[in-house]
Amino acid sequence: MFFCTKAGEVFYTDYWPYLVLLIITGFLQVMALTTWKVRVFQMRTATLSAIILIAFQGWLVYDFISTHNTPVFHITAVFPIVAAILDFLAARSILADEMLVRSADRLRAAKRKKK
């Protein structure tokens, strides 16, 4: 969305609150991508990014409806909701991975106690 137009020649980055939200969600997604050794933090950053993206999508919908007499819809307006869905799917998979690691650790600990 950094390089896409909102309507006509107006970019999303021309309006500074949109720019701030795009930077924050981009930073959170990079953090979620690079913190694979700390799965709980990774899951929380992905979930937080998804929540912010859903709020951003709601703000975009409100802005599109309230500012135009005839709503001008661009396909780029759907990008935040797609990213939020992918973030939620990633967080769910990270949680499943964390549960698998914890169960394996529990089994290893039980095996060590038997010896």
PDB file of N, CA and C in Angstrom:
ATOM      1  N   MET A   1       0.806  -1.188   0.000  1.00  0.00           N
ATOM      2  CA  MET A   1       0.000   0.000   0.000  1.00  0.00           C
ATOM      3  C   MET A   1       0.855   1.260   0.000  1.00  0.00           C
ATOM      4  N   PHE A   2       2.153   1.120   0.233  1.00  0.00           N
ATOM      5  CA  PHE A   2       3.031   2.287   0.194  1.00  0.00           C
ATOM      6  C   PHE A   2       3.060   2.914  -1.199  1.00  0.00           C
ATOM      7  N   PHE A   3       2.908   2.100  -2.210  1.00  0.00           N
ATOM      8  CA  PHE A   3       3.068   2.571  -3.578  1.00  0.00           C
ATOM      9  C   PHE A   3       1.755   2.604  -4.353  1.00  0.00           C
ATOM     10  N   CYS A   4       0.640   2.371  -3.693  1.00  0.00           N
ATOM     11  CA  CYS A   4      -0.655   2.310  -4.368  1.00  0.00           C
ATOM     12  C   CYS A   4      -1.433   3.605  -4.150  1.00  0.00           C
ATOM     13  N   THR A   5      -2.329   3.885  -5.081  1.00  0.00           N
ATOM     14  CA  THR A   5      -3.160   5.079  -4.960  1.00  0.00           C
ATOM     15  C   THR A   5      -4.471   4.736  -4.283  1.00  0.00           C
ATOM     16  N   LYS A   6      -4.956   5.697  -3.527  1.00  0.00           N
ATOM     17  CA  LYS A   6      -6.237   5.530  -2.845  1.00  0.00           C
ATOM     18  C   LYS A   6      -7.379   5.876  -3.794  1.00  0.00           C
ATOM     19  N   ALA A   7      -7.299   7.025  -4.399  1.00  0.00           N
ATOM     20  CA  ALA A   7      -8.305   7.460  -5.372  1.00  0.00           C
ATOM     21  C   ALA A   7      -7.646   8.473  -6.293  1.00  0.00           C
ATOM     22  N   GLY A   8      -7.739   8.256  -7.563  1.00  0.00           N
ATOM     23  CA  GLY A   8      -7.134   9.183  -8.516  1.00  0.00           C
ATOM     24  C   GLY A   8      -5.619   9.206  -8.373  1.00  0.00           C
ATOM     25  N   GLU A   9      -5.091  10.361  -8.024  1.00  0.00           N
ATOM     26  CA  GLU A   9      -3.644  10.524  -7.845  1.00  0.00           C
ATOM     27  C   GLU A   9      -3.252  10.641  -6.374  1.00  0.00           C
ATOM     28  N   VAL A  10      -4.163  10.331  -5.465  1.00  0.00           N
ATOM     29  CA  VAL A  10      -3.897  10.429  -4.033  1.00  0.00           C
ATOM     30  C   VAL A  10      -3.358   9.096  -3.544  1.00  0.00           C
ATOM     31  N   PHE A  11      -2.175   9.129  -2.932  1.00  0.00           N
ATOM     32  CA  PHE A  11      -1.565   7.921  -2.389  1.00  0.00           C
ATOM     33  C   PHE A  11      -1.974   7.737  -0.932  1.00  0.00           C
ATOM     34  N   TYR A  12      -1.901   6.513  -0.471  1.00  0.00           N
ATOM     35  CA  TYR A  12      -2.180   6.239   0.936  1.00  0.00           C
ATOM     36  C   TYR A  12      -1.173   6.938   1.842  1.00  0.00           C
ATOM     37  N   THR A  13       0.047   7.094   1.388  1.00  0.00           N
ATOM     38  CA  THR A  13       1.091   7.697   2.204  1.00  0.00           C
ATOM     39  C   THR A  13       0.991   9.213   2.253  1.00  0.00           C
ATOM     40  N   ASP A  14       0.104   9.822   1.481  1.00  0.00           N
ATOM     41  CA  ASP A  14      -0.080  11.274   1.548  1.00  0.00           C
ATOM     42  C   ASP A  14      -0.800  11.699   2.821  1.00  0.00           C
ATOM     43  N   TYR A  15      -1.601  10.836   3.381  1.00  0.00           N
ATOM     44  CA  TYR A  15      -2.326  11.109   4.619  1.00  0.00           C
ATOM     45  C   TYR A  15      -1.528  10.479   5.763  1.00  0.00           C
ATOM     46  N   TRP A  16      -0.969  11.289   6.666  1.00  0.00           N
ATOM     47  CA  TRP A  16       0.014  10.783   7.622  1.00  0.00           C
ATOM     48  C   TRP A  16      -0.523   9.739   8.600  1.00  0.00           C
ATOM     49  N   PRO A  17      -1.792   9.750   9.046  1.00  0.00           N
ATOM     50  CA  PRO A  17      -2.232   8.640   9.912  1.00  0.00           C
ATOM     51  C   PRO A  17      -2.191   7.288   9.196  1.00  0.00           C
ATOM     52  N   TYR A  18      -2.533   7.277   7.913  1.00  0.00           N
ATOM     53  CA  TYR A  18      -2.412   6.040   7.147  1.00  0.00           C
ATOM     54  C   TYR A  18      -0.956   5.603   7.076  1.00  0.00           C
ATOM     55  N   LEU A  19      -0.076   6.563   6.857  1.00  0.00           N
ATOM     56  CA  LEU A  19       1.350   6.255   6.774  1.00  0.00           C
ATOM     57  C   LEU A  19       1.863   5.669   8.083  1.00  0.00           C
ATOM     58  N   VAL A  20       1.444   6.244   9.206  1.00  0.00           N
ATOM     59  CA  VAL A  20       1.878   5.740  10.516  1.00  0.00           C
ATOM     60  C   VAL A  20       1.379   4.307  10.728  1.00  0.00           C
ATOM     61  N   LEU A  21       0.113   4.048  10.401  1.00  0.00           N
ATOM     62  CA  LEU A  21      -0.414   2.689  10.559  1.00  0.00           C
ATOM     63  C   LEU A  21       0.293   1.701   9.637  1.00  0.00           C
ATOM     64  N   LEU A  22       0.601   2.118   8.419  1.00  0.00           N
ATOM     65  CA  LEU A  22       1.323   1.236   7.498  1.00  0.00           C
ATOM     66  C   LEU A  22       2.723   0.926   8.015  1.00  0.00           C
ATOM     67  N   ILE A  23       3.393   1.918   8.572  1.00  0.00           N
ATOM     68  CA  ILE A  23       4.741   1.697   9.109  1.00  0.00           C
ATOM     69  C   ILE A  23       4.687   0.787  10.332  1.00  0.00           C
ATOM     70  N   ILE A  24       3.720   1.029  11.221  1.00  0.00           N
ATOM     71  CA  ILE A  24       3.608   0.199  12.430  1.00  0.00           C
ATOM     72  C   ILE A  24       3.309  -1.257  12.070  1.00  0.00           C
ATOM     73  N   THR A  25       2.356  -1.483  11.190  1.00  0.00           N
ATOM     74  CA  THR A  25       2.028  -2.863  10.834  1.00  0.00           C
ATOM     75  C   THR A  25       3.158  -3.521  10.053  1.00  0.00           C
ATOM     76  N   GLY A  26       3.835  -2.762   9.221  1.00  0.00           N
ATOM     77  CA  GLY A  26       4.992  -3.317   8.510  1.00  0.00           C
ATOM     78  C   GLY A  26       6.094  -3.717   9.475  1.00  0.00           C
ATOM     79  N   PHE A  27       6.346  -2.861  10.474  1.00  0.00           N
ATOM     80  CA  PHE A  27       7.365  -3.171  11.487  1.00  0.00           C
ATOM     81  C   PHE A  27       6.971  -4.407  12.300  1.00  0.00           C
ATOM     82  N   LEU A  28       5.701  -4.490  12.698  1.00  0.00           N
ATOM     83  CA  LEU A  28       5.244  -5.657  13.468  1.00  0.00           C
ATOM     84  C   LEU A  28       5.353  -6.939  12.659  1.00  0.00           C
ATOM     85  N   GLN A  29       5.051  -6.860  11.388  1.00  0.00           N
ATOM     86  CA  GLN A  29       5.138  -8.061  10.559  1.00  0.00           C
ATOM     87  C   GLN A  29       6.583  -8.484  10.334  1.00  0.00           C
ATOM     88  N   VAL A  30       7.492  -7.531  10.206  1.00  0.00           N
ATOM     89  CA  VAL A  30       8.917  -7.880  10.090  1.00  0.00           C
ATOM     90  C   VAL A  30       9.412  -8.484  11.394  1.00  0.00           C
ATOM     91  N   MET A  31       8.959  -7.923  12.522  1.00  0.00           N
ATOM     92  CA  MET A  31       9.354  -8.498  13.816  1.00  0.00           C
ATOM     93  C   MET A  31       8.812  -9.915  13.970  1.00  0.00           C
ATOM     94  N   ALA A  32       7.571 -10.143  13.548  1.00  0.00           N
ATOM     95  CA  ALA A  32       6.999 -11.489  13.642  1.00  0.00           C
ATOM     96  C   ALA A  32       7.751 -12.452  12.740  1.00  0.00           C
ATOM     97  N   LEU A  33       8.248 -11.965  11.648  1.00  0.00           N
ATOM     98  CA  LEU A  33       8.967 -12.820  10.715  1.00  0.00           C
ATOM     99  C   LEU A  33      10.366 -13.165  11.213  1.00  0.00           C
ATOM    100  N   THR A  34      10.998 -12.251  11.933  1.00  0.00           N
ATOM    101  CA  THR A  34      12.392 -12.451  12.333  1.00  0.00           C
ATOM    102  C   THR A  34      12.561 -13.015  13.742  1.00  0.00           C
ATOM    103  N   THR A  35      11.508 -13.112  14.517  1.00  0.00           N
ATOM    104  CA  THR A  35      11.636 -13.630  15.884  1.00  0.00           C
ATOM    105  C   THR A  35      11.143 -15.064  15.976  1.00  0.00           C
ATOM    106  N   TRP A  36      11.622 -15.917  15.105  1.00  0.00           N
ATOM    107  CA  TRP A  36      11.139 -17.294  15.064  1.00  0.00           C
ATOM    108  C   TRP A  36      11.639 -18.137  16.215  1.00  0.00           C
ATOM    109  N   LYS A  37      12.634 -17.663  16.960  1.00  0.00           N
ATOM    110  CA  LYS A  37      13.102 -18.448  18.111  1.00  0.00           C
ATOM    111  C   LYS A  37      12.254 -18.191  19.353  1.00  0.00           C
ATOM    112  N   VAL A  38      11.542 -17.090  19.370  1.00  0.00           N
ATOM    113  CA  VAL A  38      10.676 -16.740  20.496  1.00  0.00           C
ATOM    114  C   VAL A  38       9.239 -16.784  19.983  1.00  0.00           C
ATOM    115  N   ARG A  39       8.662 -17.979  19.998  1.00  0.00           N
ATOM    116  CA  ARG A  39       7.382 -18.197  19.342  1.00  0.00           C
ATOM    117  C   ARG A  39       6.221 -17.443  19.993  1.00  0.00           C
ATOM    118  N   VAL A  40       6.219 -17.299  21.304  1.00  0.00           N
ATOM    119  CA  VAL A  40       5.122 -16.601  21.973  1.00  0.00           C
ATOM    120  C   VAL A  40       5.125 -15.129  21.561  1.00  0.00           C
ATOM    121  N   PHE A  41       6.288 -14.503  21.544  1.00  0.00           N
ATOM    122  CA  PHE A  41       6.399 -13.108  21.099  1.00  0.00           C
ATOM    123  C   PHE A  41       6.020 -12.989  19.628  1.00  0.00           C
ATOM    124  N   GLN A  42       6.429 -13.948  18.832  1.00  0.00           N
ATOM    125  CA  GLN A  42       6.109 -13.952  17.408  1.00  0.00           C
ATOM    126  C   GLN A  42       4.596 -14.036  17.205  1.00  0.00           C
ATOM    127  N   MET A  43       3.933 -14.876  17.978  1.00  0.00           N
ATOM    128  CA  MET A  43       2.493 -15.020  17.869  1.00  0.00           C
ATOM    129  C   MET A  43       1.790 -13.725  18.294  1.00  0.00           C
ATOM    130  N   ARG A  44       2.267 -13.108  19.350  1.00  0.00           N
ATOM    131  CA  ARG A  44       1.644 -11.868  19.830  1.00  0.00           C
ATOM    132  C   ARG A  44       1.822 -10.718  18.845  1.00  0.00           C
ATOM    133  N   THR A  45       2.992 -10.617  18.229  1.00  0.00           N
ATOM    134  CA  THR A  45       3.192  -9.540  17.258  1.00  0.00           C
ATOM    135  C   THR A  45       2.339  -9.764  16.008  1.00  0.00           C
ATOM    136  N   ALA A  46       2.187 -11.004  15.587  1.00  0.00           N
ATOM    137  CA  ALA A  46       1.329 -11.285  14.435  1.00  0.00           C
ATOM    138  C   ALA A  46      -0.127 -10.972  14.751  1.00  0.00           C
ATOM    139  N   THR A  47      -0.568 -11.308  15.941  1.00  0.00           N
ATOM    140  CA  THR A  47      -1.948 -11.022  16.343  1.00  0.00           C
ATOM    141  C   THR A  47      -2.182  -9.526  16.485  1.00  0.00           C
ATOM    142  N   LEU A  48      -1.242  -8.815  17.089  1.00  0.00           N
ATOM    143  CA  LEU A  48      -1.364  -7.366  17.223  1.00  0.00           C
ATOM    144  C   LEU A  48      -1.401  -6.692  15.854  1.00  0.00           C
ATOM    145  N   SER A  49      -0.566  -7.156  14.952  1.00  0.00           N
ATOM    146  CA  SER A  49      -0.573  -6.614  13.592  1.00  0.00           C
ATOM    147  C   SER A  49      -1.914  -6.865  12.913  1.00  0.00           C
ATOM    148  N   ALA A  50      -2.487  -8.029  13.109  1.00  0.00           N
ATOM    149  CA  ALA A  50      -3.787  -8.344  12.513  1.00  0.00           C
ATOM    150  C   ALA A  50      -4.886  -7.461  13.081  1.00  0.00           C
ATOM    151  N   ILE A  51      -4.853  -7.218  14.373  1.00  0.00           N
ATOM    152  CA  ILE A  51      -5.863  -6.359  14.992  1.00  0.00           C
ATOM    153  C   ILE A  51      -5.752  -4.931  14.476  1.00  0.00           C
ATOM    154  N   ILE A  52      -4.539  -4.432  14.360  1.00  0.00           N
ATOM    155  CA  ILE A  52      -4.338  -3.086  13.822  1.00  0.00           C
ATOM    156  C   ILE A  52      -4.789  -3.020  12.368  1.00  0.00           C
ATOM    157  N   LEU A  53      -4.517  -4.064  11.604  1.00  0.00           N
ATOM    158  CA  LEU A  53      -4.937  -4.078  10.204  1.00  0.00           C
ATOM    159  C   LEU A  53      -6.452  -4.123  10.057  1.00  0.00           C
ATOM    160  N   ILE A  54      -7.145  -4.818  10.944  1.00  0.00           N
ATOM    161  CA  ILE A  54      -8.604  -4.835  10.894  1.00  0.00           C
ATOM    162  C   ILE A  54      -9.160  -3.453  11.220  1.00  0.00           C
ATOM    163  N   ALA A  55      -8.569  -2.780  12.218  1.00  0.00           N
ATOM    164  CA  ALA A  55      -8.991  -1.413  12.532  1.00  0.00           C
ATOM    165  C   ALA A  55      -8.708  -0.476  11.354  1.00  0.00           C
ATOM    166  N   PHE A  56      -7.567  -0.658  10.715  1.00  0.00           N
ATOM    167  CA  PHE A  56      -7.219   0.145   9.548  1.00  0.00           C
ATOM    168  C   PHE A  56      -8.200  -0.103   8.407  1.00  0.00           C
ATOM    169  N   GLN A  57      -8.606  -1.351   8.217  1.00  0.00           N
ATOM    170  CA  GLN A  57      -9.585  -1.675   7.181  1.00  0.00           C
ATOM    171  C   GLN A  57     -10.918  -1.009   7.484  1.00  0.00           C
ATOM    172  N   GLY A  58     -11.324  -1.038   8.727  1.00  0.00           N
ATOM    173  CA  GLY A  58     -12.568  -0.361   9.106  1.00  0.00           C
ATOM    174  C   GLY A  58     -12.495   1.132   8.863  1.00  0.00           C
ATOM    175  N   TRP A  59     -11.352   1.718   9.165  1.00  0.00           N
ATOM    176  CA  TRP A  59     -11.154   3.146   8.927  1.00  0.00           C
ATOM    177  C   TRP A  59     -11.198   3.455   7.434  1.00  0.00           C
ATOM    178  N   LEU A  60     -10.595   2.592   6.623  1.00  0.00           N
ATOM    179  CA  LEU A  60     -10.638   2.782   5.171  1.00  0.00           C
ATOM    180  C   LEU A  60     -12.066   2.697   4.638  1.00  0.00           C
ATOM    181  N   VAL A  61     -12.831   1.745   5.118  1.00  0.00           N
ATOM    182  CA  VAL A  61     -14.221   1.599   4.673  1.00  0.00           C
ATOM    183  C   VAL A  61     -15.015   2.847   5.047  1.00  0.00           C
ATOM    184  N   TYR A  62     -14.851   3.301   6.290  1.00  0.00           N
ATOM    185  CA  TYR A  62     -15.540   4.513   6.727  1.00  0.00           C
ATOM    186  C   TYR A  62     -15.121   5.714   5.883  1.00  0.00           C
ATOM    187  N   ASP A  63     -13.838   5.816   5.619  1.00  0.00           N
ATOM    188  CA  ASP A  63     -13.323   6.932   4.829  1.00  0.00           C
ATOM    189  C   ASP A  63     -13.839   6.885   3.394  1.00  0.00           C
ATOM    190  N   PHE A  64     -13.897   5.704   2.794  1.00  0.00           N
ATOM    191  CA  PHE A  64     -14.413   5.577   1.432  1.00  0.00           C
ATOM    192  C   PHE A  64     -15.897   5.939   1.364  1.00  0.00           C
ATOM    193  N   ILE A  65     -16.651   5.517   2.358  1.00  0.00           N
ATOM    194  CA  ILE A  65     -18.091   5.776   2.343  1.00  0.00           C
ATOM    195  C   ILE A  65     -18.400   7.239   2.641  1.00  0.00           C
ATOM    196  N   SER A  66     -17.691   7.832   3.592  1.00  0.00           N
ATOM    197  CA  SER A  66     -18.046   9.177   4.030  1.00  0.00           C
ATOM    198  C   SER A  66     -17.503  10.288   3.139  1.00  0.00           C
ATOM    199  N   THR A  67     -16.432  10.072   2.407  1.00  0.00           N
ATOM    200  CA  THR A  67     -15.837  11.167   1.649  1.00  0.00           C
ATOM    201  C   THR A  67     -16.328  11.269   0.219  1.00  0.00           C
ATOM    202  N   HIS A  68     -16.897  10.243  -0.324  1.00  0.00           N
ATOM    203  CA  HIS A  68     -17.319  10.272  -1.720  1.00  0.00           C
ATOM    204  C   HIS A  68     -18.836  10.168  -1.823  1.00  0.00           C
ATOM    205  N   ASN A  69     -19.389  10.901  -2.760  1.00  0.00           N
ATOM    206  CA  ASN A  69     -20.826  10.751  -3.029  1.00  0.00           C
ATOM    207  C   ASN A  69     -21.092   9.395  -3.660  1.00  0.00           C
ATOM    208  N   THR A  70     -20.239   9.023  -4.597  1.00  0.00           N
ATOM    209  CA  THR A  70     -20.280   7.681  -5.167  1.00  0.00           C
ATOM    210  C   THR A  70     -19.010   6.977  -4.733  1.00  0.00           C
ATOM    211  N   PRO A  71     -19.127   5.893  -3.995  1.00  0.00           N
ATOM    212  CA  PRO A  71     -17.924   5.217  -3.499  1.00  0.00           C
ATOM    213  C   PRO A  71     -17.006   4.782  -4.641  1.00  0.00           C
ATOM    214  N   VAL A  72     -15.751   5.163  -4.508  1.00  0.00           N
ATOM    215  CA  VAL A  72     -14.735   4.766  -5.475  1.00  0.00           C
ATOM    216  C   VAL A  72     -13.951   3.633  -4.840  1.00  0.00           C
ATOM    217  N   PHE A  73     -14.085   2.455  -5.393  1.00  0.00           N
ATOM    218  CA  PHE A  73     -13.439   1.282  -4.809  1.00  0.00           C
ATOM    219  C   PHE A  73     -12.236   0.894  -5.647  1.00  0.00           C
ATOM    220  N   HIS A  74     -11.105   0.764  -4.986  1.00  0.00           N
ATOM    221  CA  HIS A  74      -9.895   0.247  -5.615  1.00  0.00           C
ATOM    222  C   HIS A  74      -9.556  -1.075  -4.951  1.00  0.00           C
ATOM    223  N   ILE A  75      -8.955  -1.954  -5.689  1.00  0.00           N
ATOM    224  CA  ILE A  75      -8.600  -3.274  -5.158  1.00  0.00           C
ATOM    225  C   ILE A  75      -7.599  -3.163  -4.007  1.00  0.00           C
ATOM    226  N   THR A  76      -6.849  -2.069  -3.965  1.00  0.00           N
ATOM    227  CA  THR A  76      -5.871  -1.890  -2.887  1.00  0.00           C
ATOM    228  C   THR A  76      -6.533  -1.698  -1.533  1.00  0.00           C
ATOM    229  N   ALA A  77      -7.814  -1.359  -1.507  1.00  0.00           N
ATOM    230  CA  ALA A  77      -8.516  -1.194  -0.235  1.00  0.00           C
ATOM    231  C   ALA A  77      -8.733  -2.528   0.462  1.00  0.00           C
ATOM    232  N   VAL A  78      -8.546  -3.635  -0.232  1.00  0.00           N
ATOM    233  CA  VAL A  78      -8.761  -4.959   0.349  1.00  0.00           C
ATOM    234  C   VAL A  78      -7.459  -5.520   0.933  1.00  0.00           C
ATOM    235  N   PHE A  79      -6.329  -4.921   0.623  1.00  0.00           N
ATOM    236  CA  PHE A  79      -5.037  -5.431   1.087  1.00  0.00           C
ATOM    237  C   PHE A  79      -4.943  -5.587   2.610  1.00  0.00           C
ATOM    238  N   PRO A  80      -5.410  -4.617   3.427  1.00  0.00           N
ATOM    239  CA  PRO A  80      -5.290  -4.800   4.881  1.00  0.00           C
ATOM    240  C   PRO A  80      -6.064  -6.007   5.415  1.00  0.00           C
ATOM    241  N   ILE A  81      -7.242  -6.269   4.888  1.00  0.00           N
ATOM    242  CA  ILE A  81      -8.012  -7.411   5.398  1.00  0.00           C
ATOM    243  C   ILE A  81      -7.367  -8.727   4.980  1.00  0.00           C
ATOM    244  N   VAL A  82      -6.786  -8.781   3.803  1.00  0.00           N
ATOM    245  CA  VAL A  82      -6.076  -9.985   3.366  1.00  0.00           C
ATOM    246  C   VAL A  82      -4.858 -10.209   4.258  1.00  0.00           C
ATOM    247  N   ALA A  83      -4.123  -9.130   4.545  1.00  0.00           N
ATOM    248  CA  ALA A  83      -2.955  -9.244   5.426  1.00  0.00           C
ATOM    249  C   ALA A  83      -3.368  -9.653   6.830  1.00  0.00           C
ATOM    250  N   ALA A  84      -4.504  -9.151   7.324  1.00  0.00           N
ATOM    251  CA  ALA A  84      -4.981  -9.532   8.659  1.00  0.00           C
ATOM    252  C   ALA A  84      -5.353 -11.009   8.708  1.00  0.00           C
ATOM    253  N   ILE A  85      -6.001 -11.492   7.672  1.00  0.00           N
ATOM    254  CA  ILE A  85      -6.352 -12.920   7.621  1.00  0.00           C
ATOM    255  C   ILE A  85      -5.088 -13.770   7.617  1.00  0.00           C
ATOM    256  N   LEU A  86      -4.108 -13.373   6.833  1.00  0.00           N
ATOM    257  CA  LEU A  86      -2.848 -14.121   6.796  1.00  0.00           C
ATOM    258  C   LEU A  86      -2.111 -14.046   8.130  1.00  0.00           C
ATOM    259  N   ASP A  87      -2.188 -12.896   8.820  1.00  0.00           N
ATOM    260  CA  ASP A  87      -1.574 -12.787  10.149  1.00  0.00           C
ATOM    261  C   ASP A  87      -2.249 -13.712  11.150  1.00  0.00           C
ATOM    262  N   PHE A  88      -3.582 -13.766  11.127  1.00  0.00           N
ATOM    263  CA  PHE A  88      -4.286 -14.673  12.035  1.00  0.00           C
ATOM    264  C   PHE A  88      -3.956 -16.138  11.741  1.00  0.00           C
ATOM    265  N   LEU A  89      -3.854 -16.485  10.475  1.00  0.00           N
ATOM    266  CA  LEU A  89      -3.466 -17.855  10.122  1.00  0.00           C
ATOM    267  C   LEU A  89      -2.048 -18.166  10.594  1.00  0.00           C
ATOM    268  N   ALA A  90      -1.156 -17.197  10.466  1.00  0.00           N
ATOM    269  CA  ALA A  90       0.217 -17.383  10.942  1.00  0.00           C
ATOM    270  C   ALA A  90       0.250 -17.547  12.457  1.00  0.00           C
ATOM    271  N   ALA A  91      -0.513 -16.726  13.166  1.00  0.00           N
ATOM    272  CA  ALA A  91      -0.543 -16.826  14.631  1.00  0.00           C
ATOM    273  C   ALA A  91      -1.095 -18.171  15.070  1.00  0.00           C
ATOM    274  N   ARG A  92      -2.101 -18.665  14.377  1.00  0.00           N
ATOM    275  CA  ARG A  92      -2.662 -19.977  14.710  1.00  0.00           C
ATOM    276  C   ARG A  92      -1.640 -21.087  14.481  1.00  0.00           C
ATOM    277  N   SER A  93      -0.894 -21.000  13.405  1.00  0.00           N
ATOM    278  CA  SER A  93       0.135 -22.008  13.122  1.00  0.00           C
ATOM    279  C   SER A  93       1.292 -21.919  14.109  1.00  0.00           C
ATOM    280  N   ILE A  94       1.636 -20.707  14.511  1.00  0.00           N
ATOM    281  CA  ILE A  94       2.700 -20.534  15.512  1.00  0.00           C
ATOM    282  C   ILE A  94       2.257 -21.136  16.840  1.00  0.00           C
ATOM    283  N   LEU A  95       0.990 -20.946  17.206  1.00  0.00           N
ATOM    284  CA  LEU A  95       0.466 -21.541  18.440  1.00  0.00           C
ATOM    285  C   LEU A  95       0.499 -23.060  18.359  1.00  0.00           C
ATOM    286  N   ALA A  96       0.128 -23.619  17.226  1.00  0.00           N
ATOM    287  CA  ALA A  96       0.160 -25.079  17.067  1.00  0.00           C
ATOM    288  C   ALA A  96       1.595 -25.594  17.173  1.00  0.00           C
ATOM    289  N   ASP A  97       2.539 -24.873  16.609  1.00  0.00           N
ATOM    290  CA  ASP A  97       3.940 -25.261  16.698  1.00  0.00           C
ATOM    291  C   ASP A  97       4.438 -25.193  18.134  1.00  0.00           C
ATOM    292  N   GLU A  98       4.053 -24.151  18.850  1.00  0.00           N
ATOM    293  CA  GLU A  98       4.465 -24.013  20.252  1.00  0.00           C
ATOM    294  C   GLU A  98       3.879 -25.139  21.103  1.00  0.00           C
ATOM    295  N   MET A  99       2.639 -25.506  20.863  1.00  0.00           N
ATOM    296  CA  MET A  99       2.033 -26.605  21.613  1.00  0.00           C
ATOM    297  C   MET A  99       2.733 -27.929  21.309  1.00  0.00           C
ATOM    298  N   LEU A 100       3.127 -28.132  20.061  1.00  0.00           N
ATOM    299  CA  LEU A 100       3.854 -29.339  19.682  1.00  0.00           C
ATOM    300  C   LEU A 100       5.219 -29.395  20.369  1.00  0.00           C
ATOM    301  N   VAL A 101       5.916 -28.276  20.421  1.00  0.00           N
ATOM    302  CA  VAL A 101       7.228 -28.236  21.080  1.00  0.00           C
ATOM    303  C   VAL A 101       7.084 -28.493  22.569  1.00  0.00           C
ATOM    304  N   ARG A 102       6.065 -27.895  23.190  1.00  0.00           N
ATOM    305  CA  ARG A 102       5.860 -28.110  24.628  1.00  0.00           C
ATOM    306  C   ARG A 102       5.507 -29.563  24.939  1.00  0.00           C
ATOM    307  N   SER A 103       4.707 -30.198  24.098  1.00  0.00           N
ATOM    308  CA  SER A 103       4.367 -31.593  24.355  1.00  0.00           C
ATOM    309  C   SER A 103       5.590 -32.487  24.164  1.00  0.00           C
ATOM    310  N   ALA A 104       6.436 -32.159  23.197  1.00  0.00           N
ATOM    311  CA  ALA A 104       7.664 -32.939  23.009  1.00  0.00           C
ATOM    312  C   ALA A 104       8.598 -32.745  24.194  1.00  0.00           C
ATOM    313  N   ASP A 105       8.685 -31.524  24.709  1.00  0.00           N
ATOM    314  CA  ASP A 105       9.513 -31.284  25.895  1.00  0.00           C
ATOM    315  C   ASP A 105       8.980 -32.042  27.105  1.00  0.00           C
ATOM    316  N   ARG A 106       7.663 -32.095  27.240  1.00  0.00           N
ATOM    317  CA  ARG A 106       7.056 -32.827  28.353  1.00  0.00           C
ATOM    318  C   ARG A 106       7.368 -34.314  28.247  1.00  0.00           C
ATOM    319  N   LEU A 107       7.315 -34.865  27.030  1.00  0.00           N
ATOM    320  CA  LEU A 107       7.631 -36.276  26.845  1.00  0.00           C
ATOM    321  C   LEU A 107       9.102 -36.561  27.120  1.00  0.00           C
ATOM    322  N   ARG A 108       9.982 -35.657  26.694  1.00  0.00           N
ATOM    323  CA  ARG A 108      11.414 -35.839  26.976  1.00  0.00           C
ATOM    324  C   ARG A 108      11.700 -35.771  28.463  1.00  0.00           C
ATOM    325  N   ALA A 109      11.020 -34.857  29.162  1.00  0.00           N
ATOM    326  CA  ALA A 109      11.219 -34.727  30.605  1.00  0.00           C
ATOM    327  C   ALA A 109      10.724 -35.989  31.320  1.00  0.00           C
ATOM    328  N   ALA A 110       9.616 -36.552  30.872  1.00  0.00           N
ATOM    329  CA  ALA A 110       9.093 -37.764  31.480  1.00  0.00           C
ATOM    330  C   ALA A 110      10.026 -38.949  31.222  1.00  0.00           C
ATOM    331  N   LYS A 111      10.641 -38.978  30.063  1.00  0.00           N
ATOM    332  CA  LYS A 111      11.578 -40.056  29.724  1.00  0.00           C
ATOM    333  C   LYS A 111      12.840 -39.952  30.589  1.00  0.00           C
ATOM    334  N   ARG A 112      13.298 -38.747  30.832  1.00  0.00           N
ATOM    335  CA  ARG A 112      14.497 -38.558  31.678  1.00  0.00           C
ATOM    336  C   ARG A 112      14.245 -38.974  33.119  1.00  0.00           C
ATOM    337  N   LYS A 113      13.020 -38.758  33.616  1.00  0.00           N
ATOM    338  CA  LYS A 113      12.683 -39.111  35.000  1.00  0.00           C
ATOM    339  C   LYS A 113      12.673 -40.617  35.188  1.00  0.00           C
ATOM    340  N   LYS A 114      12.336 -41.385  34.140  1.00  0.00           N
ATOM    341  CA  LYS A 114      12.300 -42.836  34.250  1.00  0.00           C
ATOM    342  C   LYS A 114      13.697 -43.408  34.415  1.00  0.00           C
ATOM    343  N   LYS A 115      14.688 -42.779  33.852  1.00  0.00           N
ATOM    344  CA  LYS A 115      16.052 -43.319  33.919  1.00  0.00           C
ATOM    345  C   LYS A 115      16.614 -43.112  35.268  1.00  0.00           C
TER     346      LYS A 115
END
